[in-house]
PDB file of N, CA and C in Angstrom:
ATOM      1  N   THR A   1      80.095 111.111  98.001  1.00  0.00           N
ATOM      2  CA  THR A   1      80.028 110.564  96.651  1.00  0.00           C
ATOM      3  C   THR A   1      81.128 109.525  96.484  1.00  0.00           C
ATOM      4  N   ILE A   2      80.736 108.340  96.111  1.00  0.00           N
ATOM      5  CA  ILE A   2      81.680 107.239  95.942  1.00  0.00           C
ATOM      6  C   ILE A   2      82.179 107.174  94.500  1.00  0.00           C
ATOM      7  N   PHE A   3      81.266 107.487  93.575  1.00  0.00           N
ATOM      8  CA  PHE A   3      81.595 107.460  92.144  1.00  0.00           C
ATOM      9  C   PHE A   3      80.736 108.499  91.449  1.00  0.00           C
ATOM     10  N   ASN A   4      81.338 109.266  90.534  1.00  0.00           N
ATOM     11  CA  ASN A   4      80.582 110.236  89.743  1.00  0.00           C
ATOM     12  C   ASN A   4      81.361 110.512  88.462  1.00  0.00           C
ATOM     13  N   ASN A   5      80.825 110.089  87.331  1.00  0.00           N
ATOM     14  CA  ASN A   5      81.490 110.367  86.055  1.00  0.00           C
ATOM     15  C   ASN A   5      80.698 111.378  85.229  1.00  0.00           C
ATOM     16  N   GLY A   6      79.794 112.118  85.881  1.00  0.00           N
ATOM     17  CA  GLY A   6      79.041 113.165  85.197  1.00  0.00           C
ATOM     18  C   GLY A   6      79.947 114.325  84.801  1.00  0.00           C
ATOM     19  N   ASN A   7      79.522 115.066  83.784  1.00  0.00           N
ATOM     20  CA  ASN A   7      80.295 116.199  83.292  1.00  0.00           C
ATOM     21  C   ASN A   7      79.356 117.139  82.540  1.00  0.00           C
ATOM     22  N   VAL A   8      79.870 118.274  82.081  1.00  0.00           N
ATOM     23  CA  VAL A   8      79.019 119.302  81.476  1.00  0.00           C
ATOM     24  C   VAL A   8      78.965 119.226  79.955  1.00  0.00           C
ATOM     25  N   TYR A   9      79.534 118.226  79.353  1.00  0.00           N
ATOM     26  CA  TYR A   9      79.604 118.150  77.893  1.00  0.00           C
ATOM     27  C   TYR A   9      78.348 117.522  77.293  1.00  0.00           C
ATOM     28  N   ALA A  10      78.118 117.780  76.014  1.00  0.00           N
ATOM     29  CA  ALA A  10      76.974 117.211  75.303  1.00  0.00           C
ATOM     30  C   ALA A  10      77.019 115.687  75.376  1.00  0.00           C
ATOM     31  N   VAL A  11      75.840 115.089  75.423  1.00  0.00           N
ATOM     32  CA  VAL A  11      75.758 113.639  75.591  1.00  0.00           C
ATOM     33  C   VAL A  11      75.082 112.978  74.398  1.00  0.00           C
ATOM     34  N   ASP A  12      75.349 111.707  74.278  1.00  0.00           N
ATOM     35  CA  ASP A  12      74.703 110.833  73.308  1.00  0.00           C
ATOM     36  C   ASP A  12      74.093 109.685  74.106  1.00  0.00           C
ATOM     37  N   ASN A  13      73.309 108.854  73.466  1.00  0.00           N
ATOM     38  CA  ASN A  13      72.710 107.697  74.125  1.00  0.00           C
ATOM     39  C   ASN A  13      73.587 106.461  73.968  1.00  0.00           C
ATOM     40  N   GLN A  14      73.229 105.409  74.674  1.00  0.00           N
ATOM     41  CA  GLN A  14      73.794 104.066  74.520  1.00  0.00           C
ATOM     42  C   GLN A  14      75.284 104.010  74.878  1.00  0.00           C
ATOM     43  N   PRO A  15      75.593 103.746  76.138  1.00  0.00           N
ATOM     44  CA  PRO A  15      76.999 103.622  76.535  1.00  0.00           C
ATOM     45  C   PRO A  15      77.750 102.593  75.691  1.00  0.00           C
ATOM     46  N   THR A  16      78.991 102.919  75.418  1.00  0.00           N
ATOM     47  CA  THR A  16      79.854 102.016  74.657  1.00  0.00           C
ATOM     48  C   THR A  16      80.855 101.295  75.562  1.00  0.00           C
ATOM     49  N   GLN A  17      80.903 101.704  76.839  1.00  0.00           N
ATOM     50  CA  GLN A  17      81.781 101.091  77.833  1.00  0.00           C
ATOM     51  C   GLN A  17      80.978 100.859  79.106  1.00  0.00           C
ATOM     52  N   GLY A  18      81.435  99.928  79.921  1.00  0.00           N
ATOM     53  CA  GLY A  18      80.782  99.679  81.196  1.00  0.00           C
ATOM     54  C   GLY A  18      81.006 100.825  82.170  1.00  0.00           C
ATOM     55  N   THR A  19      80.049 101.020  83.057  1.00  0.00           N
ATOM     56  CA  THR A  19      80.153 102.033  84.105  1.00  0.00           C
ATOM     57  C   THR A  19      80.582 101.298  85.364  1.00  0.00           C
ATOM     58  N   VAL A  20      81.862 101.413  85.697  1.00  0.00           N
ATOM     59  CA  VAL A  20      82.484 100.553  86.704  1.00  0.00           C
ATOM     60  C   VAL A  20      83.183 101.399  87.766  1.00  0.00           C
ATOM     61  N   PHE A  21      83.080 100.953  89.013  1.00  0.00           N
ATOM     62  CA  PHE A  21      83.796 101.599  90.108  1.00  0.00           C
ATOM     63  C   PHE A  21      84.299 100.518  91.061  1.00  0.00           C
ATOM     64  N   THR A  22      85.305 100.874  91.872  1.00  0.00           N
ATOM     65  CA  THR A  22      85.928  99.920  92.783  1.00  0.00           C
ATOM     66  C   THR A  22      85.840 100.431  94.217  1.00  0.00           C
ATOM     67  N   LEU A  23      85.493  99.527  95.116  1.00  0.00           N
ATOM     68  CA  LEU A  23      85.446  99.825  96.545  1.00  0.00           C
ATOM     69  C   LEU A  23      86.622  99.132  97.221  1.00  0.00           C
ATOM     70  N   SER A  24      87.349  99.863  98.062  1.00  0.00           N
ATOM     71  CA  SER A  24      88.506  99.279  98.742  1.00  0.00           C
ATOM     72  C   SER A  24      88.166  98.776 100.139  1.00  0.00           C
ATOM     73  N   ALA A  25      86.961  99.084 100.618  1.00  0.00           N
ATOM     74  CA  ALA A  25      86.530  98.665 101.953  1.00  0.00           C
ATOM     75  C   ALA A  25      85.016  98.454 101.914  1.00  0.00           C
ATOM     76  N   PRO A  26      84.446  97.771 102.912  1.00  0.00           N
ATOM     77  CA  PRO A  26      82.985  97.658 102.953  1.00  0.00           C
ATOM     78  C   PRO A  26      82.358  99.052 102.900  1.00  0.00           C
ATOM     79  N   THR A  27      81.330  99.199 102.080  1.00  0.00           N
ATOM     80  CA  THR A  27      80.749 100.521 101.841  1.00  0.00           C
ATOM     81  C   THR A  27      79.230 100.422 101.798  1.00  0.00           C
ATOM     82  N   LYS A  28      78.566 101.317 102.510  1.00  0.00           N
ATOM     83  CA  LYS A  28      77.107 101.384 102.476  1.00  0.00           C
ATOM     84  C   LYS A  28      76.699 102.274 101.302  1.00  0.00           C
ATOM     85  N   ILE A  29      75.881 101.726 100.412  1.00  0.00           N
ATOM     86  CA  ILE A  29      75.370 102.469  99.267  1.00  0.00           C
ATOM     87  C   ILE A  29      73.959 102.922  99.626  1.00  0.00           C
ATOM     88  N   VAL A  30      73.692 104.226  99.426  1.00  0.00           N
ATOM     89  CA  VAL A  30      72.372 104.763  99.772  1.00  0.00           C
ATOM     90  C   VAL A  30      71.623 105.327  98.569  1.00  0.00           C
ATOM     91  N   LYS A  31      72.329 105.681  97.502  1.00  0.00           N
ATOM     92  CA  LYS A  31      71.650 106.246  96.337  1.00  0.00           C
ATOM     93  C   LYS A  31      72.478 106.015  95.077  1.00  0.00           C
ATOM     94  N   ILE A  32      71.784 105.654  94.000  1.00  0.00           N
ATOM     95  CA  ILE A  32      72.419 105.498  92.689  1.00  0.00           C
ATOM     96  C   ILE A  32      71.590 106.303  91.695  1.00  0.00           C
ATOM     97  N   THR A  33      72.267 107.155  90.930  1.00  0.00           N
ATOM     98  CA  THR A  33      71.598 107.996  89.949  1.00  0.00           C
ATOM     99  C   THR A  33      72.195 107.733  88.580  1.00  0.00           C
ATOM    100  N   THR A  34      71.338 107.555  87.571  1.00  0.00           N
ATOM    101  CA  THR A  34      71.807 107.479  86.187  1.00  0.00           C
ATOM    102  C   THR A  34      71.141 108.605  85.407  1.00  0.00           C
ATOM    103  N   TYR A  35      71.762 108.994  84.289  1.00  0.00           N
ATOM    104  CA  TYR A  35      71.317 110.159  83.521  1.00  0.00           C
ATOM    105  C   TYR A  35      70.779 109.718  82.172  1.00  0.00           C
ATOM    106  N   HIS A  36      69.549 110.142  81.871  1.00  0.00           N
ATOM    107  CA  HIS A  36      68.851 109.771  80.635  1.00  0.00           C
ATOM    108  C   HIS A  36      68.327 111.030  79.949  1.00  0.00           C
ATOM    109  N   TRP A  37      69.220 111.886  79.457  1.00  0.00           N
ATOM    110  CA  TRP A  37      68.781 113.115  78.795  1.00  0.00           C
ATOM    111  C   TRP A  37      67.994 112.777  77.530  1.00  0.00           C
ATOM    112  N   ASN A  38      68.455 111.762  76.790  1.00  0.00           N
ATOM    113  CA  ASN A  38      67.723 111.203  75.651  1.00  0.00           C
ATOM    114  C   ASN A  38      67.292 112.267  74.647  1.00  0.00           C
ATOM    115  N   TYR A  39      68.253 113.114  74.248  1.00  0.00           N
ATOM    116  CA  TYR A  39      68.009 114.158  73.233  1.00  0.00           C
ATOM    117  C   TYR A  39      66.857 115.075  73.631  1.00  0.00           C
ATOM    118  N   GLY A  40      66.776 115.387  74.930  1.00  0.00           N
ATOM    119  CA  GLY A  40      65.767 116.311  75.422  1.00  0.00           C
ATOM    120  C   GLY A  40      64.411 115.697  75.693  1.00  0.00           C
ATOM    121  N   ARG A  41      64.301 114.385  75.607  1.00  0.00           N
ATOM    122  CA  ARG A  41      63.015 113.721  75.834  1.00  0.00           C
ATOM    123  C   ARG A  41      62.928 113.025  77.187  1.00  0.00           C
ATOM    124  N   GLY A  42      64.069 112.785  77.844  1.00  0.00           N
ATOM    125  CA  GLY A  42      64.057 112.002  79.069  1.00  0.00           C
ATOM    126  C   GLY A  42      63.619 110.577  78.771  1.00  0.00           C
ATOM    127  N   ALA A  43      63.350 109.805  79.804  1.00  0.00           N
ATOM    128  CA  ALA A  43      62.907 108.413  79.632  1.00  0.00           C
ATOM    129  C   ALA A  43      62.172 107.987  80.894  1.00  0.00           C
ATOM    130  N   TRP A  44      61.107 107.204  80.715  1.00  0.00           N
ATOM    131  CA  TRP A  44      60.345 106.730  81.870  1.00  0.00           C
ATOM    132  C   TRP A  44      61.264 105.931  82.777  1.00  0.00           C
ATOM    133  N   PRO A  45      61.301 106.239  84.082  1.00  0.00           N
ATOM    134  CA  PRO A  45      62.250 105.575  84.982  1.00  0.00           C
ATOM    135  C   PRO A  45      62.074 104.061  85.033  1.00  0.00           C
ATOM    136  N   GLY A  46      63.198 103.390  84.990  1.00  0.00           N
ATOM    137  CA  GLY A  46      63.225 101.937  85.083  1.00  0.00           C
ATOM    138  C   GLY A  46      63.930 101.507  86.350  1.00  0.00           C
ATOM    139  N   GLN A  47      64.797 100.519  86.218  1.00  0.00           N
ATOM    140  CA  GLN A  47      65.484  99.957  87.371  1.00  0.00           C
ATOM    141  C   GLN A  47      66.990 100.093  87.224  1.00  0.00           C
ATOM    142  N   ILE A  48      67.644 100.145  88.382  1.00  0.00           N
ATOM    143  CA  ILE A  48      69.102 100.223  88.457  1.00  0.00           C
ATOM    144  C   ILE A  48      69.569  99.098  89.372  1.00  0.00           C
ATOM    145  N   ALA A  49      70.672  98.455  88.988  1.00  0.00           N
ATOM    146  CA  ALA A  49      71.261  97.394  89.799  1.00  0.00           C
ATOM    147  C   ALA A  49      72.778  97.564  89.796  1.00  0.00           C
ATOM    148  N   LEU A  50      73.441  96.760  90.591  1.00  0.00           N
ATOM    149  CA  LEU A  50      74.900  96.678  90.607  1.00  0.00           C
ATOM    150  C   LEU A  50      75.293  95.226  90.411  1.00  0.00           C
ATOM    151  N   ARG A  51      76.330  94.997  89.601  1.00  0.00           N
ATOM    152  CA  ARG A  51      76.836  93.643  89.391  1.00  0.00           C
ATOM    153  C   ARG A  51      78.305  93.624  89.813  1.00  0.00           C
ATOM    154  N   SER A  52      78.635  92.679  90.701  1.00  0.00           N
ATOM    155  CA  SER A  52      80.021  92.575  91.171  1.00  0.00           C
ATOM    156  C   SER A  52      80.880  91.884  90.121  1.00  0.00           C
ATOM    157  N   GLN A  53      82.176  91.988  90.302  1.00  0.00           N
ATOM    158  CA  GLN A  53      83.119  91.341  89.379  1.00  0.00           C
ATOM    159  C   GLN A  53      82.985  89.828  89.418  1.00  0.00           C
ATOM    160  N   THR A  54      82.378  89.293  90.478  1.00  0.00           N
ATOM    161  CA  THR A  54      82.149  87.847  90.570  1.00  0.00           C
ATOM    162  C   THR A  54      80.827  87.437  89.925  1.00  0.00           C
ATOM    163  N   GLY A  55      80.044  88.428  89.479  1.00  0.00           N
ATOM    164  CA  GLY A  55      78.780  88.140  88.822  1.00  0.00           C
ATOM    165  C   GLY A  55      77.557  88.266  89.708  1.00  0.00           C
ATOM    166  N   ALA A  56      77.743  88.501  91.003  1.00  0.00           N
ATOM    167  CA  ALA A  56      76.601  88.658  91.908  1.00  0.00           C
ATOM    168  C   ALA A  56      75.835  89.931  91.550  1.00  0.00           C
ATOM    169  N   LEU A  57      74.513  89.832  91.512  1.00  0.00           N
ATOM    170  CA  LEU A  57      73.669  90.980  91.190  1.00  0.00           C
ATOM    171  C   LEU A  57      73.046  91.526  92.471  1.00  0.00           C
ATOM    172  N   TYR A  58      73.175  92.827  92.678  1.00  0.00           N
ATOM    173  CA  TYR A  58      72.567  93.525  93.806  1.00  0.00           C
ATOM    174  C   TYR A  58      71.469  94.417  93.240  1.00  0.00           C
ATOM    175  N   GLY A  59      70.255  94.253  93.747  1.00  0.00           N
ATOM    176  CA  GLY A  59      69.107  94.936  93.161  1.00  0.00           C
ATOM    177  C   GLY A  59      68.420  93.964  92.225  1.00  0.00           C
ATOM    178  N   PRO A  60      67.640  94.436  91.278  1.00  0.00           N
ATOM    179  CA  PRO A  60      67.504  95.845  90.892  1.00  0.00           C
ATOM    180  C   PRO A  60      66.574  96.612  91.820  1.00  0.00           C
ATOM    181  N   TRP A  61      66.761  97.936  91.788  1.00  0.00           N
ATOM    182  CA  TRP A  61      65.936  98.845  92.545  1.00  0.00           C
ATOM    183  C   TRP A  61      65.175  99.734  91.566  1.00  0.00           C
ATOM    184  N   GLN A  62      63.912  99.978  91.860  1.00  0.00           N
ATOM    185  CA  GLN A  62      63.107 100.873  91.028  1.00  0.00           C
ATOM    186  C   GLN A  62      63.592 102.303  91.219  1.00  0.00           C
ATOM    187  N   ALA A  63      63.775 103.004  90.119  1.00  0.00           N
ATOM    188  CA  ALA A  63      64.202 104.398  90.165  1.00  0.00           C
ATOM    189  C   ALA A  63      62.998 105.326  90.055  1.00  0.00           C
ATOM    190  N   MET A  64      63.148 106.521  90.599  1.00  0.00           N
ATOM    191  CA  MET A  64      62.173 107.586  90.401  1.00  0.00           C
ATOM    192  C   MET A  64      62.815 108.616  89.486  1.00  0.00           C
ATOM    193  N   GLY A  65      62.013 109.365  88.755  1.00  0.00           N
ATOM    194  CA  GLY A  65      62.539 110.339  87.809  1.00  0.00           C
ATOM    195  C   GLY A  65      62.560 111.744  88.368  1.00  0.00           C
ATOM    196  N   LEU A  66      63.620 112.473  88.040  1.00  0.00           N
ATOM    197  CA  LEU A  66      63.739 113.888  88.378  1.00  0.00           C
ATOM    198  C   LEU A  66      64.097 114.649  87.110  1.00  0.00           C
ATOM    199  N   PRO A  67      63.664 115.922  86.989  1.00  0.00           N
ATOM    200  CA  PRO A  67      63.966 116.684  85.779  1.00  0.00           C
ATOM    201  C   PRO A  67      65.453 117.000  85.641  1.00  0.00           C
ATOM    202  N   GLY A  68      65.874 117.115  84.390  1.00  0.00           N
ATOM    203  CA  GLY A  68      67.260 117.449  84.088  1.00  0.00           C
ATOM    204  C   GLY A  68      67.374 118.838  83.488  1.00  0.00           C
ATOM    205  N   GLN A  69      68.498 119.096  82.855  1.00  0.00           N
ATOM    206  CA  GLN A  69      68.771 120.400  82.255  1.00  0.00           C
ATOM    207  C   GLN A  69      67.619 120.812  81.339  1.00  0.00           C
ATOM    208  N   GLY A  70      67.190 122.069  81.469  1.00  0.00           N
ATOM    209  CA  GLY A  70      66.110 122.574  80.640  1.00  0.00           C
ATOM    210  C   GLY A  70      64.747 122.025  81.013  1.00  0.00           C
ATOM    211  N   GLY A  71      64.636 121.370  82.182  1.00  0.00           N
ATOM    212  CA  GLY A  71      63.363 120.822  82.608  1.00  0.00           C
ATOM    213  C   GLY A  71      62.993 119.506  81.956  1.00  0.00           C
ATOM    214  N   VAL A  72      63.955 118.843  81.308  1.00  0.00           N
ATOM    215  CA  VAL A  72      63.679 117.561  80.652  1.00  0.00           C
ATOM    216  C   VAL A  72      63.134 116.579  81.686  1.00  0.00           C
ATOM    217  N   PRO A  73      61.923 116.046  81.468  1.00  0.00           N
ATOM    218  CA  PRO A  73      61.337 115.152  82.472  1.00  0.00           C
ATOM    219  C   PRO A  73      62.087 113.821  82.567  1.00  0.00           C
ATOM    220  N   ASN A  74      62.232 113.341  83.790  1.00  0.00           N
ATOM    221  CA  ASN A  74      62.824 112.023  84.055  1.00  0.00           C
ATOM    222  C   ASN A  74      64.216 111.853  83.452  1.00  0.00           C
ATOM    223  N   ALA A  75      64.982 112.938  83.393  1.00  0.00           N
ATOM    224  CA  ALA A  75      66.356 112.821  82.885  1.00  0.00           C
ATOM    225  C   ALA A  75      67.248 112.118  83.913  1.00  0.00           C
ATOM    226  N   TYR A  76      66.991 112.375  85.176  1.00  0.00           N
ATOM    227  CA  TYR A  76      67.739 111.701  86.240  1.00  0.00           C
ATOM    228  C   TYR A  76      66.889 110.568  86.787  1.00  0.00           C
ATOM    229  N   TRP A  77      67.456 109.372  86.813  1.00  0.00           N
ATOM    230  CA  TRP A  77      66.816 108.237  87.469  1.00  0.00           C
ATOM    231  C   TRP A  77      67.521 108.043  88.803  1.00  0.00           C
ATOM    232  N   VAL A  78      66.764 108.080  89.878  1.00  0.00           N
ATOM    233  CA  VAL A  78      67.331 108.001  91.217  1.00  0.00           C
ATOM    234  C   VAL A  78      66.757 106.787  91.943  1.00  0.00           C
ATOM    235  N   ALA A  79      67.633 105.891  92.357  1.00  0.00           N
ATOM    236  CA  ALA A  79      67.244 104.721  93.142  1.00  0.00           C
ATOM    237  C   ALA A  79      67.793 104.890  94.555  1.00  0.00           C
ATOM    238  N   HIS A  80      66.909 104.866  95.536  1.00  0.00           N
ATOM    239  CA  HIS A  80      67.319 104.914  96.938  1.00  0.00           C
ATOM    240  C   HIS A  80      67.508 103.477  97.399  1.00  0.00           C
ATOM    241  N   VAL A  81      68.715 103.177  97.837  1.00  0.00           N
ATOM    242  CA  VAL A  81      69.055 101.812  98.231  1.00  0.00           C
ATOM    243  C   VAL A  81      69.608 101.820  99.650  1.00  0.00           C
ATOM    244  N   ASP A  82      69.736 100.661 100.214  1.00  0.00           N
ATOM    245  CA  ASP A  82      70.273 100.521 101.568  1.00  0.00           C
ATOM    246  C   ASP A  82      70.981  99.177 101.625  1.00  0.00           C
ATOM    247  N   ILE A  83      72.235  99.186 101.189  1.00  0.00           N
ATOM    248  CA  ILE A  83      72.974  97.921 101.123  1.00  0.00           C
ATOM    249  C   ILE A  83      74.442  98.178 101.431  1.00  0.00           C
ATOM    250  N   VAL A  84      75.059  97.249 102.132  1.00  0.00           N
ATOM    251  CA  VAL A  84      76.504  97.313 102.376  1.00  0.00           C
ATOM    252  C   VAL A  84      77.164  96.331 101.411  1.00  0.00           C
ATOM    253  N   LEU A  85      78.086  96.847 100.616  1.00  0.00           N
ATOM    254  CA  LEU A  85      78.804  96.020  99.647  1.00  0.00           C
ATOM    255  C   LEU A  85      80.212  95.732 100.145  1.00  0.00           C
ATOM    256  N   PRO A  86      80.698  94.526  99.898  1.00  0.00           N
ATOM    257  CA  PRO A  86      82.082  94.219 100.258  1.00  0.00           C
ATOM    258  C   PRO A  86      83.042  94.879  99.277  1.00  0.00           C
ATOM    259  N   PRO A  87      84.323  94.943  99.624  1.00  0.00           N
ATOM    260  CA  PRO A  87      85.300  95.489  98.686  1.00  0.00           C
ATOM    261  C   PRO A  87      85.235  94.737  97.357  1.00  0.00           C
ATOM    262  N   GLY A  88      85.493  95.456  96.287  1.00  0.00           N
ATOM    263  CA  GLY A  88      85.482  94.835  94.969  1.00  0.00           C
ATOM    264  C   GLY A  88      85.122  95.833  93.894  1.00  0.00           C
ATOM    265  N   THR A  89      85.013  95.326  92.688  1.00  0.00           N
ATOM    266  CA  THR A  89      84.669  96.146  91.532  1.00  0.00           C
ATOM    267  C   THR A  89      83.231  95.857  91.139  1.00  0.00           C
ATOM    268  N   TYR A  90      82.493  96.925  90.840  1.00  0.00           N
ATOM    269  CA  TYR A  90      81.068  96.829  90.543  1.00  0.00           C
ATOM    270  C   TYR A  90      80.734  97.591  89.270  1.00  0.00           C
ATOM    271  N   ALA A  91      79.781  97.051  88.523  1.00  0.00           N
ATOM    272  CA  ALA A  91      79.254  97.720  87.334  1.00  0.00           C
ATOM    273  C   ALA A  91      77.842  98.186  87.632  1.00  0.00           C
ATOM    274  N   VAL A  92      77.530  99.404  87.213  1.00  0.00           N
ATOM    275  CA  VAL A  92      76.166  99.902  87.308  1.00  0.00           C
ATOM    276  C   VAL A  92      75.389  99.295  86.144  1.00  0.00           C
ATOM    277  N   VAL A  93      74.217  98.737  86.437  1.00  0.00           N
ATOM    278  CA  VAL A  93      73.363  98.110  85.428  1.00  0.00           C
ATOM    279  C   VAL A  93      72.083  98.933  85.340  1.00  0.00           C
ATOM    280  N   ASP A  94      71.781  99.433  84.163  1.00  0.00           N
ATOM    281  CA  ASP A  94      70.606 100.267  83.937  1.00  0.00           C
ATOM    282  C   ASP A  94      69.649  99.516  83.018  1.00  0.00           C
ATOM    283  N   SER A  95      68.356  99.527  83.350  1.00  0.00           N
ATOM    284  CA  SER A  95      67.384  98.739  82.584  1.00  0.00           C
ATOM    285  C   SER A  95      67.083  99.306  81.199  1.00  0.00           C
ATOM    286  N   GLU A  96      67.566 100.513  80.907  1.00  0.00           N
ATOM    287  CA  GLU A  96      67.271 101.137  79.614  1.00  0.00           C
ATOM    288  C   GLU A  96      68.549 101.737  79.002  1.00  0.00           C
ATOM    289  N   PRO A  97      69.494 100.875  78.599  1.00  0.00           N
ATOM    290  CA  PRO A  97      70.747 101.406  78.050  1.00  0.00           C
ATOM    291  C   PRO A  97      70.542 102.218  76.767  1.00  0.00           C
ATOM    292  N   ALA A  98      69.460 101.993  76.041  1.00  0.00           N
ATOM    293  CA  ALA A  98      69.231 102.725  74.792  1.00  0.00           C
ATOM    294  C   ALA A  98      69.057 104.225  75.034  1.00  0.00           C
ATOM    295  N   THR A  99      68.630 104.627  76.250  1.00  0.00           N
ATOM    296  CA  THR A  99      68.467 106.055  76.547  1.00  0.00           C
ATOM    297  C   THR A  99      69.452 106.565  77.595  1.00  0.00           C
ATOM    298  N   TRP A 100      70.325 105.698  78.090  1.00  0.00           N
ATOM    299  CA  TRP A 100      71.300 106.080  79.111  1.00  0.00           C
ATOM    300  C   TRP A 100      72.364 106.940  78.456  1.00  0.00           C
ATOM    301  N   SER A 101      72.629 108.105  79.031  1.00  0.00           N
ATOM    302  CA  SER A 101      73.566 109.064  78.450  1.00  0.00           C
ATOM    303  C   SER A 101      75.022 108.673  78.680  1.00  0.00           C
ATOM    304  N   GLN A 102      75.843 109.010  77.681  1.00  0.00           N
ATOM    305  CA  GLN A 102      77.297 108.829  77.754  1.00  0.00           C
ATOM    306  C   GLN A 102      77.927 109.888  76.864  1.00  0.00           C
ATOM    307  N   ASN A 103      79.216 110.114  77.037  1.00  0.00           N
ATOM    308  CA  ASN A 103      79.956 111.028  76.169  1.00  0.00           C
ATOM    309  C   ASN A 103      81.454 110.788  76.313  1.00  0.00           C
ATOM    310  N   ALA A 104      82.227 111.606  75.606  1.00  0.00           N
ATOM    311  CA  ALA A 104      83.687 111.463  75.670  1.00  0.00           C
ATOM    312  C   ALA A 104      84.200 111.734  77.083  1.00  0.00           C
ATOM    313  N   GLY A 105      83.535 112.636  77.816  1.00  0.00           N
ATOM    314  CA  GLY A 105      83.945 112.943  79.187  1.00  0.00           C
ATOM    315  C   GLY A 105      83.789 111.770  80.130  1.00  0.00           C
ATOM    316  N   SER A 106      82.850 110.869  79.818  1.00  0.00           N
ATOM    317  CA  SER A 106      82.681 109.659  80.632  1.00  0.00           C
ATOM    318  C   SER A 106      83.391 108.470  79.996  1.00  0.00           C
ATOM    319  N   PHE A 107      84.161 108.745  78.925  1.00  0.00           N
ATOM    320  CA  PHE A 107      84.883 107.706  78.179  1.00  0.00           C
ATOM    321  C   PHE A 107      83.933 106.641  77.639  1.00  0.00           C
ATOM    322  N   GLY A 108      82.711 107.064  77.282  1.00  0.00           N
ATOM    323  CA  GLY A 108      81.737 106.151  76.713  1.00  0.00           C
ATOM    324  C   GLY A 108      80.924 105.370  77.731  1.00  0.00           C
ATOM    325  N   ALA A 109      81.260 105.493  79.016  1.00  0.00           N
ATOM    326  CA  ALA A 109      80.501 104.798  80.059  1.00  0.00           C
ATOM    327  C   ALA A 109      79.205 105.555  80.330  1.00  0.00           C
ATOM    328  N   GLY A 110      78.180 104.837  80.761  1.00  0.00           N
ATOM    329  CA  GLY A 110      76.929 105.479  81.145  1.00  0.00           C
ATOM    330  C   GLY A 110      77.168 106.430  82.302  1.00  0.00           C
ATOM    331  N   ILE A 111      76.566 107.613  82.220  1.00  0.00           N
ATOM    332  CA  ILE A 111      76.768 108.623  83.262  1.00  0.00           C
ATOM    333  C   ILE A 111      75.978 108.228  84.504  1.00  0.00           C
ATOM    334  N   ALA A 112      76.699 108.178  85.630  1.00  0.00           N
ATOM    335  CA  ALA A 112      76.100 107.725  86.885  1.00  0.00           C
ATOM    336  C   ALA A 112      76.786 108.345  88.088  1.00  0.00           C
ATOM    337  N   MET A 113      76.065 108.353  89.204  1.00  0.00           N
ATOM    338  CA  MET A 113      76.632 108.757  90.472  1.00  0.00           C
ATOM    339  C   MET A 113      76.179 107.757  91.532  1.00  0.00           C
ATOM    340  N   VAL A 114      77.129 107.288  92.329  1.00  0.00           N
ATOM    341  CA  VAL A 114      76.860 106.351  93.416  1.00  0.00           C
ATOM    342  C   VAL A 114      77.223 107.059  94.714  1.00  0.00           C
ATOM    343  N   GLU A 115      76.275 107.072  95.645  1.00  0.00           N
ATOM    344  CA  GLU A 115      76.499 107.783  96.912  1.00  0.00           C
ATOM    345  C   GLU A 115      76.374 106.809  98.076  1.00  0.00           C
ATOM    346  N   GLY A 116      77.165 107.066  99.109  1.00  0.00           N
ATOM    347  CA  GLY A 116      77.146 106.244 100.301  1.00  0.00           C
ATOM    348  C   GLY A 116      78.284 106.639 101.211  1.00  0.00           C
ATOM    349  N   TYR A 117      78.705 105.697 102.062  1.00  0.00           N
ATOM    350  CA  TYR A 117      79.802 105.976 102.988  1.00  0.00           C
ATOM    351  C   TYR A 117      80.403 104.676 103.480  1.00  0.00           C
ATOM    352  N   GLY A 118      81.645 104.776 103.943  1.00  0.00           N
ATOM    353  CA  GLY A 118      82.339 103.610 104.479  1.00  0.00           C
ATOM    354  C   GLY A 118      81.616 103.077 105.698  1.00  0.00           C
ATOM    355  N   ASP A 119      81.631 101.760 105.843  1.00  0.00           N
ATOM    356  CA  ASP A 119      80.907 101.147 106.954  1.00  0.00           C
ATOM    357  C   ASP A 119      81.826 100.921 108.138  1.00  0.00           C
TER     358      ASP A 119
END
C-alpha cells in the first residue's frame, strides 16, 4: 500500500480537500480504490485518474464497483492500472466527487487507497 487514508469513522460526501500523496522514487501503480458510500446508496462506478504536481494527467481508468459496509452496492470503486510514475506529488482524481466519501479522519480529502511497489 502506497497511500491509504481510509478509516472507520462516519463519512460524508464531497471532499473538501485534495487527496494527495508523494512518491520519493519511481513507483509502479497497480490499483487505485476510492470509496463512495453515498449515505448507503453507493454510486455507479466511474473513472479514476492521477494528476501530477506539474499538471500531467495519468488515466483516467474505468473503475469496477465492489460492495461496501452493509452490502452497499458499488461503494468501492476499483481501477486496475499498470503504470510507473516518476517521483513527485500526485492527486487522485475521481469522476464523481459529489458521491466520493470524506470525513474528519481523512481531513476532508476523498477516501482512497493506492497500491503498487517500487520499481
